[in-house]
Structure formats: C-alpha cells, structure tokens
Amino acid sequence: MIQLTLAWFVFIYLVVFLAGILFFWIGYEMLRKRLASEDSRQLIYCRICGVALTASIASTTGSLLRCPHCGSLNEDHHQGGL
C-alpha cells in the first residue's frame, strides 16, 4: 500500500482537479470559436452602409440581396481567408 502524507494527497487532488478544469475550459473555447466562425461566414456586409445581412436570405433569392437599410444591391460573395 502506498502511504501518502496529507500534504501530498491535497497536492495531487488539486493538480487533478485544476487539470480537469483546464481541459474543459480549452474544449469550451475551441467549440465557441468554431461556432462563432460558422456564424460569421453567413454574414454579408453592405458595401455602402456596412449593415450585416444574412447570407441564407441571399442564397434563396438569387445572388443579389437588397440592403434593408440603404436599398443598395449586394452580391452573395464570400471572401476566402482563415
């Protein structure tokens, strides 16, 4: 049987507990960033006034989307990037 002092037991318990919290935190942040990047890919910004428009509306009605704020036509054109 392995004998541990109380100090070592508390130290091991804290290390395991904090490592678990760290892994959950990293996993949550990775998931949050992935979902945020998927949401930002579906946004189109008006070239005149800068209002954010959803790409799902443009894809169902054709390649042009009329801005509800200024009335200009905008293309459903996504730029590549990271």
PDB file of N, CA and C in Angstrom:
ATOM      1  N   MET A   1       0.835  -1.172   0.000  1.00  0.00           N
ATOM      2  CA  MET A   1       0.000   0.000   0.000  1.00  0.00           C
ATOM      3  C   MET A   1       0.884   1.241   0.000  1.00  0.00           C
ATOM      4  N   ILE A   2       0.497   2.207  -0.818  1.00  0.00           N
ATOM      5  CA  ILE A   2       1.261   3.437  -0.912  1.00  0.00           C
ATOM      6  C   ILE A   2       0.804   4.372   0.194  1.00  0.00           C
ATOM      7  N   GLN A   3       1.747   4.856   0.937  1.00  0.00           N
ATOM      8  CA  GLN A   3       1.400   5.781   2.013  1.00  0.00           C
ATOM      9  C   GLN A   3       1.688   7.204   1.567  1.00  0.00           C
ATOM     10  N   LEU A   4       0.678   8.060   1.696  1.00  0.00           N
ATOM     11  CA  LEU A   4       0.802   9.466   1.345  1.00  0.00           C
ATOM     12  C   LEU A   4       0.544  10.321   2.569  1.00  0.00           C
ATOM     13  N   THR A   5       1.303  11.361   2.679  1.00  0.00           N
ATOM     14  CA  THR A   5       1.012  12.318   3.732  1.00  0.00           C
ATOM     15  C   THR A   5      -0.163  13.173   3.286  1.00  0.00           C
ATOM     16  N   LEU A   6      -0.731  13.867   4.203  1.00  0.00           N
ATOM     17  CA  LEU A   6      -1.881  14.712   3.900  1.00  0.00           C
ATOM     18  C   LEU A   6      -1.503  15.808   2.909  1.00  0.00           C
ATOM     19  N   ALA A   7      -0.332  16.358   2.999  1.00  0.00           N
ATOM     20  CA  ALA A   7       0.103  17.421   2.094  1.00  0.00           C
ATOM     21  C   ALA A   7       0.187  16.917   0.655  1.00  0.00           C
ATOM     22  N   TRP A   8       0.750  15.719   0.458  1.00  0.00           N
ATOM     23  CA  TRP A   8       0.841  15.157  -0.896  1.00  0.00           C
ATOM     24  C   TRP A   8      -0.538  14.816  -1.445  1.00  0.00           C
ATOM     25  N   PHE A   9      -1.411  14.302  -0.611  1.00  0.00           N
ATOM     26  CA  PHE A   9      -2.761  13.971  -1.038  1.00  0.00           C
ATOM     27  C   PHE A   9      -3.501  15.221  -1.510  1.00  0.00           C
ATOM     28  N   VAL A  10      -3.395  16.300  -0.757  1.00  0.00           N
ATOM     29  CA  VAL A  10      -4.045  17.562  -1.133  1.00  0.00           C
ATOM     30  C   VAL A  10      -3.424  18.102  -2.425  1.00  0.00           C
ATOM     31  N   PHE A  11      -2.121  18.003  -2.560  1.00  0.00           N
ATOM     32  CA  PHE A  11      -1.443  18.476  -3.759  1.00  0.00           C
ATOM     33  C   PHE A  11      -1.904  17.695  -5.000  1.00  0.00           C
ATOM     34  N   ILE A  12      -1.947  16.383  -4.911  1.00  0.00           N
ATOM     35  CA  ILE A  12      -2.377  15.555  -6.044  1.00  0.00           C
ATOM     36  C   ILE A  12      -3.838  15.837  -6.378  1.00  0.00           C
ATOM     37  N   TYR A  13      -4.680  15.971  -5.368  1.00  0.00           N
ATOM     38  CA  TYR A  13      -6.088  16.265  -5.587  1.00  0.00           C
ATOM     39  C   TYR A  13      -6.247  17.603  -6.309  1.00  0.00           C
ATOM     40  N   LEU A  14      -5.540  18.630  -5.897  1.00  0.00           N
ATOM     41  CA  LEU A  14      -5.642  19.938  -6.532  1.00  0.00           C
ATOM     42  C   LEU A  14      -5.118  19.922  -7.971  1.00  0.00           C
ATOM     43  N   VAL A  15      -4.039  19.218  -8.214  1.00  0.00           N
ATOM     44  CA  VAL A  15      -3.492  19.135  -9.571  1.00  0.00           C
ATOM     45  C   VAL A  15      -4.484  18.456 -10.503  1.00  0.00           C
ATOM     46  N   VAL A  16      -5.072  17.360 -10.085  1.00  0.00           N
ATOM     47  CA  VAL A  16      -6.038  16.644 -10.923  1.00  0.00           C
ATOM     48  C   VAL A  16      -7.280  17.504 -11.149  1.00  0.00           C
ATOM     49  N   PHE A  17      -7.773  18.155 -10.117  1.00  0.00           N
ATOM     50  CA  PHE A  17      -8.959  18.999 -10.224  1.00  0.00           C
ATOM     51  C   PHE A  17      -8.708  20.183 -11.158  1.00  0.00           C
ATOM     52  N   LEU A  18      -7.589  20.858 -11.007  1.00  0.00           N
ATOM     53  CA  LEU A  18      -7.286  22.008 -11.856  1.00  0.00           C
ATOM     54  C   LEU A  18      -6.992  21.592 -13.300  1.00  0.00           C
ATOM     55  N   ALA A  19      -6.387  20.430 -13.494  1.00  0.00           N
ATOM     56  CA  ALA A  19      -6.156  19.934 -14.854  1.00  0.00           C
ATOM     57  C   ALA A  19      -7.493  19.640 -15.539  1.00  0.00           C
ATOM     58  N   GLY A  20      -8.444  19.082 -14.814  1.00  0.00           N
ATOM     59  CA  GLY A  20      -9.771  18.834 -15.366  1.00  0.00           C
ATOM     60  C   GLY A  20     -10.465  20.118 -15.771  1.00  0.00           C
ATOM     61  N   ILE A  21     -10.398  21.129 -14.932  1.00  0.00           N
ATOM     62  CA  ILE A  21     -10.985  22.429 -15.260  1.00  0.00           C
ATOM     63  C   ILE A  21     -10.309  23.024 -16.488  1.00  0.00           C
ATOM     64  N   LEU A  22      -8.997  22.910 -16.580  1.00  0.00           N
ATOM     65  CA  LEU A  22      -8.262  23.434 -17.727  1.00  0.00           C
ATOM     66  C   LEU A  22      -8.689  22.747 -19.026  1.00  0.00           C
ATOM     67  N   PHE A  23      -8.853  21.427 -19.012  1.00  0.00           N
ATOM     68  CA  PHE A  23      -9.272  20.700 -20.211  1.00  0.00           C
ATOM     69  C   PHE A  23     -10.686  21.080 -20.630  1.00  0.00           C
ATOM     70  N   PHE A  24     -11.592  21.226 -19.670  1.00  0.00           N
ATOM     71  CA  PHE A  24     -12.945  21.666 -20.009  1.00  0.00           C
ATOM     72  C   PHE A  24     -12.942  23.070 -20.576  1.00  0.00           C
ATOM     73  N   TRP A  25     -12.129  23.949 -20.028  1.00  0.00           N
ATOM     74  CA  TRP A  25     -12.045  25.333 -20.490  1.00  0.00           C
ATOM     75  C   TRP A  25     -11.520  25.393 -21.930  1.00  0.00           C
ATOM     76  N   ILE A  26     -10.469  24.649 -22.208  1.00  0.00           N
ATOM     77  CA  ILE A  26      -9.898  24.631 -23.562  1.00  0.00           C
ATOM     78  C   ILE A  26     -10.915  24.065 -24.554  1.00  0.00           C
ATOM     79  N   GLY A  27     -11.585  22.987 -24.199  1.00  0.00           N
ATOM     80  CA  GLY A  27     -12.596  22.412 -25.073  1.00  0.00           C
ATOM     81  C   GLY A  27     -13.751  23.357 -25.328  1.00  0.00           C
ATOM     82  N   TYR A  28     -14.196  24.063 -24.295  1.00  0.00           N
ATOM     83  CA  TYR A  28     -15.283  25.029 -24.450  1.00  0.00           C
ATOM     84  C   TYR A  28     -14.864  26.172 -25.370  1.00  0.00           C
ATOM     85  N   GLU A  29     -13.668  26.682 -25.213  1.00  0.00           N
ATOM     86  CA  GLU A  29     -13.187  27.780 -26.060  1.00  0.00           C
ATOM     87  C   GLU A  29     -13.044  27.351 -27.516  1.00  0.00           C
ATOM     88  N   MET A  30     -12.569  26.127 -27.756  1.00  0.00           N
ATOM     89  CA  MET A  30     -12.457  25.640 -29.125  1.00  0.00           C
ATOM     90  C   MET A  30     -13.839  25.517 -29.765  1.00  0.00           C
ATOM     91  N   LEU A  31     -14.804  25.009 -29.033  1.00  0.00           N
ATOM     92  CA  LEU A  31     -16.167  24.882 -29.541  1.00  0.00           C
ATOM     93  C   LEU A  31     -16.791  26.251 -29.787  1.00  0.00           C
ATOM     94  N   ARG A  32     -16.577  27.197 -28.872  1.00  0.00           N
ATOM     95  CA  ARG A  32     -17.138  28.535 -29.008  1.00  0.00           C
ATOM     96  C   ARG A  32     -16.568  29.243 -30.233  1.00  0.00           C
ATOM     97  N   LYS A  33     -15.264  29.115 -30.472  1.00  0.00           N
ATOM     98  CA  LYS A  33     -14.651  29.755 -31.637  1.00  0.00           C
ATOM     99  C   LYS A  33     -15.127  29.120 -32.939  1.00  0.00           C
ATOM    100  N   ARG A  34     -15.304  27.807 -32.945  1.00  0.00           N
ATOM    101  CA  ARG A  34     -15.788  27.135 -34.150  1.00  0.00           C
ATOM    102  C   ARG A  34     -17.204  27.598 -34.483  1.00  0.00           C
ATOM    103  N   LEU A  35     -18.071  27.692 -33.483  1.00  0.00           N
ATOM    104  CA  LEU A  35     -19.445  28.133 -33.723  1.00  0.00           C
ATOM    105  C   LEU A  35     -19.488  29.601 -34.126  1.00  0.00           C
ATOM    106  N   ALA A  36     -18.623  30.427 -33.554  1.00  0.00           N
ATOM    107  CA  ALA A  36     -18.594  31.838 -33.914  1.00  0.00           C
ATOM    108  C   ALA A  36     -18.098  32.031 -35.343  1.00  0.00           C
ATOM    109  N   SER A  37     -17.144  31.230 -35.787  1.00  0.00           N
ATOM    110  CA  SER A  37     -16.654  31.378 -37.149  1.00  0.00           C
ATOM    111  C   SER A  37     -17.695  30.907 -38.159  1.00  0.00           C
ATOM    112  N   GLU A  38     -18.499  29.886 -37.820  1.00  0.00           N
ATOM    113  CA  GLU A  38     -19.566  29.445 -38.714  1.00  0.00           C
ATOM    114  C   GLU A  38     -20.639  30.519 -38.840  1.00  0.00           C
ATOM    115  N   ASP A  39     -20.946  31.216 -37.732  1.00  0.00           N
ATOM    116  CA  ASP A  39     -21.932  32.290 -37.786  1.00  0.00           C
ATOM    117  C   ASP A  39     -21.430  33.465 -38.605  1.00  0.00           C
ATOM    118  N   SER A  40     -20.150  33.781 -38.502  1.00  0.00           N
ATOM    119  CA  SER A  40     -19.618  34.934 -39.228  1.00  0.00           C
ATOM    120  C   SER A  40     -19.502  34.661 -40.722  1.00  0.00           C
ATOM    121  N   ARG A  41     -19.408  33.389 -41.130  1.00  0.00           N
ATOM    122  CA  ARG A  41     -19.349  33.058 -42.556  1.00  0.00           C
ATOM    123  C   ARG A  41     -20.678  33.320 -43.246  1.00  0.00           C
ATOM    124  N   GLN A  42     -21.767  33.327 -42.503  1.00  0.00           N
ATOM    125  CA  GLN A  42     -23.077  33.522 -43.100  1.00  0.00           C
ATOM    126  C   GLN A  42     -23.491  34.988 -43.124  1.00  0.00           C
ATOM    127  N   LEU A  43     -22.617  35.894 -42.778  1.00  0.00           N
ATOM    128  CA  LEU A  43     -22.925  37.318 -42.795  1.00  0.00           C
ATOM    129  C   LEU A  43     -22.344  37.975 -44.038  1.00  0.00           C
ATOM    130  N   ILE A  44     -23.118  38.862 -44.627  1.00  0.00           N
ATOM    131  CA  ILE A  44     -22.662  39.694 -45.737  1.00  0.00           C
ATOM    132  C   ILE A  44     -22.791  41.132 -45.254  1.00  0.00           C
ATOM    133  N   TYR A  45     -21.775  41.935 -45.492  1.00  0.00           N
ATOM    134  CA  TYR A  45     -21.827  43.330 -45.087  1.00  0.00           C
ATOM    135  C   TYR A  45     -22.115  44.195 -46.304  1.00  0.00           C
ATOM    136  N   CYS A  46     -23.039  45.110 -46.147  1.00  0.00           N
ATOM    137  CA  CYS A  46     -23.395  46.034 -47.225  1.00  0.00           C
ATOM    138  C   CYS A  46     -22.179  46.895 -47.544  1.00  0.00           C
ATOM    139  N   ARG A  47     -21.902  47.072 -48.834  1.00  0.00           N
ATOM    140  CA  ARG A  47     -20.726  47.845 -49.236  1.00  0.00           C
ATOM    141  C   ARG A  47     -20.944  49.341 -49.100  1.00  0.00           C
ATOM    142  N   ILE A  48     -22.183  49.780 -48.979  1.00  0.00           N
ATOM    143  CA  ILE A  48     -22.478  51.206 -48.861  1.00  0.00           C
ATOM    144  C   ILE A  48     -22.563  51.636 -47.401  1.00  0.00           C
ATOM    145  N   CYS A  49     -23.432  50.965 -46.624  1.00  0.00           N
ATOM    146  CA  CYS A  49     -23.663  51.426 -45.248  1.00  0.00           C
ATOM    147  C   CYS A  49     -23.032  50.535 -44.182  1.00  0.00           C
ATOM    148  N   GLY A  50     -22.613  49.315 -44.529  1.00  0.00           N
ATOM    149  CA  GLY A  50     -21.931  48.438 -43.577  1.00  0.00           C
ATOM    150  C   GLY A  50     -22.840  47.609 -42.700  1.00  0.00           C
ATOM    151  N   VAL A  51     -24.137  47.558 -42.984  1.00  0.00           N
ATOM    152  CA  VAL A  51     -25.061  46.754 -42.189  1.00  0.00           C
ATOM    153  C   VAL A  51     -24.823  45.272 -42.478  1.00  0.00           C
ATOM    154  N   ALA A  52     -24.893  44.439 -41.440  1.00  0.00           N
ATOM    155  CA  ALA A  52     -24.694  42.998 -41.607  1.00  0.00           C
ATOM    156  C   ALA A  52     -25.987  42.369 -42.112  1.00  0.00           C
ATOM    157  N   LEU A  53     -25.882  41.592 -43.208  1.00  0.00           N
ATOM    158  CA  LEU A  53     -27.013  40.889 -43.799  1.00  0.00           C
ATOM    159  C   LEU A  53     -26.731  39.400 -43.726  1.00  0.00           C
ATOM    160  N   THR A  54     -27.778  38.583 -43.652  1.00  0.00           N
ATOM    161  CA  THR A  54     -27.564  37.136 -43.577  1.00  0.00           C
ATOM    162  C   THR A  54     -27.438  36.549 -44.972  1.00  0.00           C
ATOM    163  N   ALA A  55     -26.527  35.631 -45.145  1.00  0.00           N
ATOM    164  CA  ALA A  55     -26.271  35.017 -46.448  1.00  0.00           C
ATOM    165  C   ALA A  55     -27.355  34.020 -46.820  1.00  0.00           C
ATOM    166  N   SER A  56     -28.079  33.477 -45.852  1.00  0.00           N
ATOM    167  CA  SER A  56     -29.111  32.486 -46.162  1.00  0.00           C
ATOM    168  C   SER A  56     -30.249  33.114 -46.954  1.00  0.00           C
ATOM    169  N   ILE A  57     -30.555  34.382 -46.720  1.00  0.00           N
ATOM    170  CA  ILE A  57     -31.589  35.077 -47.484  1.00  0.00           C
ATOM    171  C   ILE A  57     -31.128  35.263 -48.918  1.00  0.00           C
ATOM    172  N   ALA A  58     -29.874  35.610 -49.103  1.00  0.00           N
ATOM    173  CA  ALA A  58     -29.352  35.843 -50.448  1.00  0.00           C
ATOM    174  C   ALA A  58     -29.280  34.558 -51.256  1.00  0.00           C
ATOM    175  N   SER A  59     -28.954  33.461 -50.624  1.00  0.00           N
ATOM    176  CA  SER A  59     -28.821  32.219 -51.379  1.00  0.00           C
ATOM    177  C   SER A  59     -30.176  31.689 -51.835  1.00  0.00           C
ATOM    178  N   THR A  60     -31.265  32.007 -51.122  1.00  0.00           N
ATOM    179  CA  THR A  60     -32.577  31.514 -51.534  1.00  0.00           C
ATOM    180  C   THR A  60     -33.205  32.412 -52.588  1.00  0.00           C
ATOM    181  N   THR A  61     -32.867  33.693 -52.622  1.00  0.00           N
ATOM    182  CA  THR A  61     -33.496  34.614 -53.565  1.00  0.00           C
ATOM    183  C   THR A  61     -32.638  34.884 -54.784  1.00  0.00           C
ATOM    184  N   GLY A  62     -31.462  34.377 -54.871  1.00  0.00           N
ATOM    185  CA  GLY A  62     -30.563  34.622 -56.002  1.00  0.00           C
ATOM    186  C   GLY A  62     -29.231  35.121 -55.485  1.00  0.00           C
ATOM    187  N   SER A  63     -28.460  35.715 -56.394  1.00  0.00           N
ATOM    188  CA  SER A  63     -27.124  36.148 -55.993  1.00  0.00           C
ATOM    189  C   SER A  63     -27.097  37.596 -55.517  1.00  0.00           C
ATOM    190  N   LEU A  64     -28.200  38.349 -55.665  1.00  0.00           N
ATOM    191  CA  LEU A  64     -28.236  39.741 -55.218  1.00  0.00           C
ATOM    192  C   LEU A  64     -29.159  39.882 -54.012  1.00  0.00           C
ATOM    193  N   LEU A  65     -28.757  40.709 -53.094  1.00  0.00           N
ATOM    194  CA  LEU A  65     -29.532  40.943 -51.879  1.00  0.00           C
ATOM    195  C   LEU A  65     -29.662  42.438 -51.686  1.00  0.00           C
ATOM    196  N   ARG A  66     -30.884  42.910 -51.519  1.00  0.00           N
ATOM    197  CA  ARG A  66     -31.121  44.334 -51.301  1.00  0.00           C
ATOM    198  C   ARG A  66     -30.985  44.639 -49.813  1.00  0.00           C
ATOM    199  N   CYS A  67     -30.181  45.637 -49.504  1.00  0.00           N
ATOM    200  CA  CYS A  67     -29.961  46.049 -48.122  1.00  0.00           C
ATOM    201  C   CYS A  67     -31.232  46.711 -47.590  1.00  0.00           C
ATOM    202  N   PRO A  68     -31.730  46.290 -46.430  1.00  0.00           N
ATOM    203  CA  PRO A  68     -32.942  46.906 -45.888  1.00  0.00           C
ATOM    204  C   PRO A  68     -32.697  48.314 -45.349  1.00  0.00           C
ATOM    205  N   HIS A  69     -31.449  48.659 -45.115  1.00  0.00           N
ATOM    206  CA  HIS A  69     -31.142  49.966 -44.541  1.00  0.00           C
ATOM    207  C   HIS A  69     -30.996  51.047 -45.617  1.00  0.00           C
ATOM    208  N   CYS A  70     -30.185  50.788 -46.641  1.00  0.00           N
ATOM    209  CA  CYS A  70     -29.926  51.818 -47.652  1.00  0.00           C
ATOM    210  C   CYS A  70     -30.512  51.481 -49.020  1.00  0.00           C
ATOM    211  N   GLY A  71     -30.925  50.224 -49.244  1.00  0.00           N
ATOM    212  CA  GLY A  71     -31.543  49.840 -50.501  1.00  0.00           C
ATOM    213  C   GLY A  71     -30.582  49.450 -51.607  1.00  0.00           C
ATOM    214  N   SER A  72     -29.294  49.435 -51.368  1.00  0.00           N
ATOM    215  CA  SER A  72     -28.337  49.057 -52.414  1.00  0.00           C
ATOM    216  C   SER A  72     -28.308  47.545 -52.582  1.00  0.00           C
ATOM    217  N   LEU A  73     -27.940  47.109 -53.787  1.00  0.00           N
ATOM    218  CA  LEU A  73     -27.841  45.682 -54.070  1.00  0.00           C
ATOM    219  C   LEU A  73     -26.444  45.181 -53.707  1.00  0.00           C
ATOM    220  N   ASN A  74     -26.381  44.031 -53.067  1.00  0.00           N
ATOM    221  CA  ASN A  74     -25.127  43.439 -52.645  1.00  0.00           C
ATOM    222  C   ASN A  74     -25.074  42.007 -53.137  1.00  0.00           C
ATOM    223  N   GLU A  75     -23.879  41.575 -53.549  1.00  0.00           N
ATOM    224  CA  GLU A  75     -23.684  40.211 -54.032  1.00  0.00           C
ATOM    225  C   GLU A  75     -23.447  39.275 -52.862  1.00  0.00           C
ATOM    226  N   ASP A  76     -23.865  38.041 -53.055  1.00  0.00           N
ATOM    227  CA  ASP A  76     -23.574  36.989 -52.096  1.00  0.00           C
ATOM    228  C   ASP A  76     -22.187  36.464 -52.399  1.00  0.00           C
ATOM    229  N   HIS A  77     -21.171  37.252 -52.096  1.00  0.00           N
ATOM    230  CA  HIS A  77     -19.795  36.943 -52.438  1.00  0.00           C
ATOM    231  C   HIS A  77     -18.994  36.839 -51.150  1.00  0.00           C
ATOM    232  N   HIS A  78     -18.490  35.653 -50.873  1.00  0.00           N
ATOM    233  CA  HIS A  78     -17.691  35.439 -49.662  1.00  0.00           C
ATOM    234  C   HIS A  78     -16.228  35.487 -50.023  1.00  0.00           C
ATOM    235  N   GLN A  79     -15.459  36.169 -49.210  1.00  0.00           N
ATOM    236  CA  GLN A  79     -14.028  36.208 -49.411  1.00  0.00           C
ATOM    237  C   GLN A  79     -13.393  35.078 -48.630  1.00  0.00           C
ATOM    238  N   GLY A  80     -12.375  34.484 -49.215  1.00  0.00           N
ATOM    239  CA  GLY A  80     -11.659  33.419 -48.521  1.00  0.00           C
ATOM    240  C   GLY A  80     -10.782  33.988 -47.429  1.00  0.00           C
ATOM    241  N   GLY A  81     -10.344  33.150 -46.583  1.00  0.00           N
ATOM    242  CA  GLY A  81      -9.467  33.592 -45.510  1.00  0.00           C
ATOM    243  C   GLY A  81      -9.356  32.530 -44.436  1.00  0.00           C
ATOM    244  N   LEU A  82      -8.727  32.900 -43.369  1.00  0.00           N
ATOM    245  CA  LEU A  82      -8.554  31.950 -42.266  1.00  0.00           C
ATOM    246  C   LEU A  82      -9.784  31.905 -41.484  1.00  0.00           C
TER     247      LEU A  82
END
